[in-house]
Amino acid sequence: MERYKQLVRIQRCILGEVEHEVTVRNINGNYHCRVFVNGKLNQEAVCSSKRDIGYTCRSLLRWEDKCGNISEFASAARTRLNEGSEYASSVFS
């Protein structure tokens, strides 16, 4: 785990950090989770249940962190997702 933390620190120094913003909108009975990177839309996913919003947003932020858009917000979401979630049913991309 310590090696992973060192790797993250190195990535942040080389690539720099970005700013993530997550919004959720209810459109036609489905919940649209959107991830903005530095103010521009980067990802969107749809879930049908209100209780799946947290899992969906954490999943989107996990991919942001894995693909190089590094921020404290995305890294913390990745840690929380790996700890496990009780709500993981129907998520549509």
N, C-alpha and C. Protein backbone atom coordinates (compact mmCIF):
# COMPACT_ATOMS: atom_id res chain seq x y z
N MET A 1 0.82 -1.19 0.00
CA MET A 1 0.00 0.00 0.00
C MET A 1 0.87 1.26 0.00
N GLU A 2 1.98 1.21 0.70
CA GLU A 2 2.87 2.36 0.75
C GLU A 2 3.45 2.66 -0.63
N ARG A 3 3.74 1.62 -1.39
CA ARG A 3 4.27 1.83 -2.74
C ARG A 3 3.23 2.50 -3.63
N TYR A 4 1.96 2.11 -3.46
CA TYR A 4 0.88 2.73 -4.23
C TYR A 4 0.78 4.22 -3.90
N LYS A 5 0.89 4.57 -2.62
CA LYS A 5 0.82 5.98 -2.22
C LYS A 5 1.98 6.77 -2.81
N GLN A 6 3.16 6.17 -2.87
CA GLN A 6 4.30 6.83 -3.48
C GLN A 6 4.07 7.05 -4.97
N LEU A 7 3.51 6.05 -5.64
CA LEU A 7 3.22 6.16 -7.06
C LEU A 7 2.22 7.29 -7.32
N VAL A 8 1.21 7.40 -6.49
CA VAL A 8 0.22 8.46 -6.64
C VAL A 8 0.87 9.83 -6.46
N ARG A 9 1.75 9.95 -5.48
CA ARG A 9 2.45 11.23 -5.27
C ARG A 9 3.29 11.61 -6.49
N ILE A 10 3.95 10.64 -7.09
CA ILE A 10 4.77 10.89 -8.28
C ILE A 10 3.88 11.33 -9.45
N GLN A 11 2.75 10.64 -9.64
CA GLN A 11 1.83 11.00 -10.72
C GLN A 11 1.32 12.43 -10.55
N ARG A 12 0.99 12.79 -9.31
CA ARG A 12 0.49 14.15 -9.06
C ARG A 12 1.55 15.19 -9.38
N CYS A 13 2.81 14.88 -9.09
CA CYS A 13 3.89 15.82 -9.38
C CYS A 13 4.10 15.97 -10.89
N ILE A 14 4.04 14.87 -11.62
CA ILE A 14 4.30 14.90 -13.05
C ILE A 14 3.12 15.46 -13.83
N LEU A 15 1.93 14.93 -13.58
CA LEU A 15 0.76 15.30 -14.37
C LEU A 15 0.01 16.51 -13.83
N GLY A 16 0.13 16.75 -12.55
CA GLY A 16 -0.65 17.81 -11.94
C GLY A 16 -2.04 17.31 -11.59
N GLU A 17 -2.68 18.03 -10.72
CA GLU A 17 -4.02 17.63 -10.30
C GLU A 17 -5.07 18.37 -11.10
N VAL A 18 -6.22 17.75 -11.22
CA VAL A 18 -7.36 18.38 -11.88
C VAL A 18 -8.45 18.61 -10.83
N GLU A 19 -9.49 19.32 -11.23
CA GLU A 19 -10.61 19.58 -10.34
C GLU A 19 -11.82 18.81 -10.84
N HIS A 20 -12.38 17.96 -9.99
CA HIS A 20 -13.56 17.18 -10.35
C HIS A 20 -14.81 17.79 -9.73
N GLU A 21 -15.89 17.72 -10.47
CA GLU A 21 -17.20 18.12 -9.97
C GLU A 21 -18.20 17.07 -10.42
N VAL A 22 -19.06 16.64 -9.52
CA VAL A 22 -20.05 15.61 -9.83
C VAL A 22 -21.44 16.22 -9.66
N THR A 23 -22.28 16.04 -10.67
CA THR A 23 -23.66 16.49 -10.58
C THR A 23 -24.60 15.33 -10.88
N VAL A 24 -25.79 15.40 -10.32
CA VAL A 24 -26.81 14.37 -10.55
C VAL A 24 -28.10 15.07 -10.93
N ARG A 25 -28.72 14.63 -12.01
CA ARG A 25 -29.99 15.19 -12.48
C ARG A 25 -30.99 14.06 -12.68
N ASN A 26 -32.24 14.35 -12.39
CA ASN A 26 -33.32 13.40 -12.64
C ASN A 26 -33.95 13.77 -13.97
N ILE A 27 -33.77 12.91 -14.97
CA ILE A 27 -34.30 13.14 -16.30
C ILE A 27 -35.13 11.93 -16.70
N ASN A 28 -36.42 12.15 -16.92
CA ASN A 28 -37.37 11.10 -17.33
C ASN A 28 -37.35 9.91 -16.38
N GLY A 29 -37.24 10.15 -15.09
CA GLY A 29 -37.30 9.08 -14.10
C GLY A 29 -35.99 8.35 -13.85
N ASN A 30 -34.95 8.67 -14.60
CA ASN A 30 -33.63 8.08 -14.38
C ASN A 30 -32.69 9.15 -13.83
N TYR A 31 -31.68 8.72 -13.11
CA TYR A 31 -30.73 9.64 -12.50
C TYR A 31 -29.45 9.65 -13.33
N HIS A 32 -29.11 10.82 -13.87
CA HIS A 32 -27.94 10.98 -14.71
C HIS A 32 -26.81 11.57 -13.86
N CYS A 33 -25.75 10.79 -13.68
CA CYS A 33 -24.58 11.22 -12.92
C CYS A 33 -23.53 11.70 -13.91
N ARG A 34 -23.07 12.93 -13.72
CA ARG A 34 -22.11 13.51 -14.64
C ARG A 34 -20.86 13.93 -13.90
N VAL A 35 -19.70 13.66 -14.50
CA VAL A 35 -18.42 14.06 -13.92
C VAL A 35 -17.80 15.12 -14.83
N PHE A 36 -17.53 16.27 -14.25
CA PHE A 36 -16.88 17.36 -14.96
C PHE A 36 -15.43 17.44 -14.51
N VAL A 37 -14.53 17.59 -15.48
CA VAL A 37 -13.10 17.75 -15.18
C VAL A 37 -12.70 19.15 -15.63
N ASN A 38 -12.28 19.96 -14.67
CA ASN A 38 -11.92 21.36 -14.93
C ASN A 38 -13.04 22.10 -15.67
N GLY A 39 -14.28 21.81 -15.30
CA GLY A 39 -15.44 22.51 -15.85
C GLY A 39 -15.99 21.95 -17.14
N LYS A 40 -15.39 20.89 -17.70
CA LYS A 40 -15.87 20.30 -18.94
C LYS A 40 -16.40 18.90 -18.67
N LEU A 41 -17.52 18.56 -19.31
CA LEU A 41 -18.12 17.24 -19.13
C LEU A 41 -17.19 16.16 -19.65
N ASN A 42 -16.92 15.15 -18.80
CA ASN A 42 -16.01 14.08 -19.19
C ASN A 42 -16.70 12.73 -19.23
N GLN A 43 -17.58 12.45 -18.27
CA GLN A 43 -18.26 11.16 -18.21
C GLN A 43 -19.71 11.35 -17.79
N GLU A 44 -20.53 10.40 -18.20
CA GLU A 44 -21.92 10.39 -17.75
C GLU A 44 -22.38 8.94 -17.64
N ALA A 45 -23.14 8.66 -16.61
CA ALA A 45 -23.73 7.33 -16.45
C ALA A 45 -25.16 7.52 -15.93
N VAL A 46 -26.00 6.53 -16.17
CA VAL A 46 -27.40 6.60 -15.79
C VAL A 46 -27.72 5.44 -14.87
N CYS A 47 -28.45 5.73 -13.79
CA CYS A 47 -28.94 4.67 -12.92
C CYS A 47 -30.44 4.87 -12.70
N SER A 48 -31.14 3.79 -12.48
CA SER A 48 -32.60 3.87 -12.38
C SER A 48 -33.09 4.08 -10.96
N SER A 49 -32.29 3.73 -9.98
CA SER A 49 -32.71 3.83 -8.58
C SER A 49 -31.92 4.93 -7.87
N LYS A 50 -32.60 5.64 -6.99
CA LYS A 50 -31.95 6.73 -6.26
C LYS A 50 -30.84 6.21 -5.34
N ARG A 51 -30.98 5.01 -4.85
CA ARG A 51 -29.97 4.47 -3.94
C ARG A 51 -28.69 4.03 -4.65
N ASP A 52 -28.71 3.96 -5.98
CA ASP A 52 -27.53 3.59 -6.75
C ASP A 52 -26.67 4.80 -7.14
N ILE A 53 -27.11 6.00 -6.81
CA ILE A 53 -26.39 7.20 -7.21
C ILE A 53 -24.97 7.21 -6.63
N GLY A 54 -24.83 6.91 -5.36
CA GLY A 54 -23.52 6.93 -4.71
C GLY A 54 -22.56 5.95 -5.35
N TYR A 55 -23.02 4.73 -5.59
CA TYR A 55 -22.16 3.72 -6.22
C TYR A 55 -21.76 4.14 -7.62
N THR A 56 -22.71 4.68 -8.37
CA THR A 56 -22.43 5.10 -9.75
C THR A 56 -21.39 6.22 -9.78
N CYS A 57 -21.55 7.21 -8.92
CA CYS A 57 -20.60 8.33 -8.88
C CYS A 57 -19.21 7.86 -8.45
N ARG A 58 -19.16 6.97 -7.46
CA ARG A 58 -17.86 6.45 -7.03
C ARG A 58 -17.19 5.65 -8.15
N SER A 59 -18.00 4.91 -8.90
CA SER A 59 -17.45 4.13 -10.01
C SER A 59 -16.88 5.05 -11.10
N LEU A 60 -17.59 6.12 -11.42
CA LEU A 60 -17.09 7.07 -12.41
C LEU A 60 -15.80 7.73 -11.94
N LEU A 61 -15.77 8.13 -10.68
CA LEU A 61 -14.56 8.76 -10.14
C LEU A 61 -13.40 7.79 -10.06
N ARG A 62 -13.70 6.52 -9.83
CA ARG A 62 -12.64 5.50 -9.82
C ARG A 62 -11.95 5.44 -11.18
N TRP A 63 -12.75 5.46 -12.25
CA TRP A 63 -12.16 5.43 -13.59
C TRP A 63 -11.40 6.70 -13.89
N GLU A 64 -11.87 7.83 -13.38
CA GLU A 64 -11.11 9.07 -13.54
C GLU A 64 -9.72 8.93 -12.93
N ASP A 65 -9.67 8.38 -11.74
CA ASP A 65 -8.40 8.23 -11.03
C ASP A 65 -7.50 7.22 -11.75
N LYS A 66 -8.08 6.13 -12.24
CA LYS A 66 -7.29 5.11 -12.92
C LYS A 66 -6.72 5.60 -14.24
N CYS A 67 -7.45 6.48 -14.92
CA CYS A 67 -7.04 6.92 -16.26
C CYS A 67 -6.15 8.16 -16.25
N GLY A 68 -5.81 8.67 -15.06
CA GLY A 68 -4.83 9.74 -15.01
C GLY A 68 -5.38 11.10 -14.64
N ASN A 69 -6.68 11.27 -14.53
CA ASN A 69 -7.25 12.53 -14.05
C ASN A 69 -7.25 12.49 -12.53
N ILE A 70 -6.12 12.83 -11.95
CA ILE A 70 -5.90 12.60 -10.53
C ILE A 70 -6.34 13.81 -9.71
N SER A 71 -7.09 13.54 -8.66
CA SER A 71 -7.45 14.56 -7.67
C SER A 71 -7.67 13.84 -6.34
N GLU A 72 -7.64 14.59 -5.27
CA GLU A 72 -7.91 14.02 -3.95
C GLU A 72 -9.32 13.43 -3.91
N PHE A 73 -10.25 14.12 -4.55
CA PHE A 73 -11.66 13.70 -4.57
C PHE A 73 -11.80 12.33 -5.24
N ALA A 74 -11.17 12.16 -6.41
CA ALA A 74 -11.25 10.89 -7.13
C ALA A 74 -10.51 9.78 -6.40
N SER A 75 -9.37 10.08 -5.82
CA SER A 75 -8.62 9.07 -5.09
C SER A 75 -9.39 8.59 -3.86
N ALA A 76 -10.04 9.51 -3.17
CA ALA A 76 -10.84 9.14 -1.99
C ALA A 76 -12.03 8.28 -2.40
N ALA A 77 -12.64 8.59 -3.53
CA ALA A 77 -13.77 7.79 -4.01
C ALA A 77 -13.31 6.38 -4.38
N ARG A 78 -12.12 6.27 -4.93
CA ARG A 78 -11.57 4.96 -5.28
C ARG A 78 -11.33 4.13 -4.03
N THR A 79 -10.83 4.76 -2.99
CA THR A 79 -10.60 4.06 -1.73
C THR A 79 -11.92 3.57 -1.14
N ARG A 80 -12.94 4.43 -1.16
CA ARG A 80 -14.25 4.05 -0.61
C ARG A 80 -14.88 2.92 -1.41
N LEU A 81 -14.71 2.93 -2.74
CA LEU A 81 -15.29 1.89 -3.57
C LEU A 81 -14.64 0.55 -3.28
N ASN A 82 -13.34 0.55 -3.03
CA ASN A 82 -12.64 -0.70 -2.73
C ASN A 82 -13.00 -1.26 -1.36
N GLU A 83 -13.49 -0.41 -0.46
CA GLU A 83 -13.90 -0.89 0.86
C GLU A 83 -15.20 -1.68 0.78
N GLY A 84 -15.97 -1.50 -0.27
CA GLY A 84 -17.21 -2.24 -0.46
C GLY A 84 -18.41 -1.35 -0.30
N SER A 85 -19.43 -1.70 -1.02
CA SER A 85 -20.67 -0.94 -0.97
C SER A 85 -21.84 -1.90 -0.92
N GLU A 86 -22.83 -1.56 -0.11
CA GLU A 86 -23.98 -2.45 -0.01
C GLU A 86 -24.96 -2.25 -1.16
N TYR A 87 -24.84 -1.11 -1.88
CA TYR A 87 -25.74 -0.83 -2.99
C TYR A 87 -24.98 -0.97 -4.30
N ALA A 88 -25.17 -2.06 -4.95
CA ALA A 88 -24.52 -2.26 -6.25
C ALA A 88 -25.43 -3.11 -7.11
N SER A 89 -26.53 -2.55 -7.54
CA SER A 89 -27.47 -3.35 -8.31
C SER A 89 -27.40 -3.00 -9.79
N SER A 90 -28.28 -2.12 -10.28
CA SER A 90 -28.38 -1.88 -11.71
C SER A 90 -27.79 -0.53 -12.06
N VAL A 91 -26.65 -0.55 -12.74
CA VAL A 91 -26.01 0.66 -13.19
C VAL A 91 -25.87 0.57 -14.69
N PHE A 92 -26.36 1.59 -15.39
CA PHE A 92 -26.29 1.62 -16.85
C PHE A 92 -25.27 2.65 -17.27
N SER A 93 -24.47 2.36 -18.27
CA SER A 93 -23.50 3.34 -18.78
C SER A 93 -23.94 3.86 -20.11
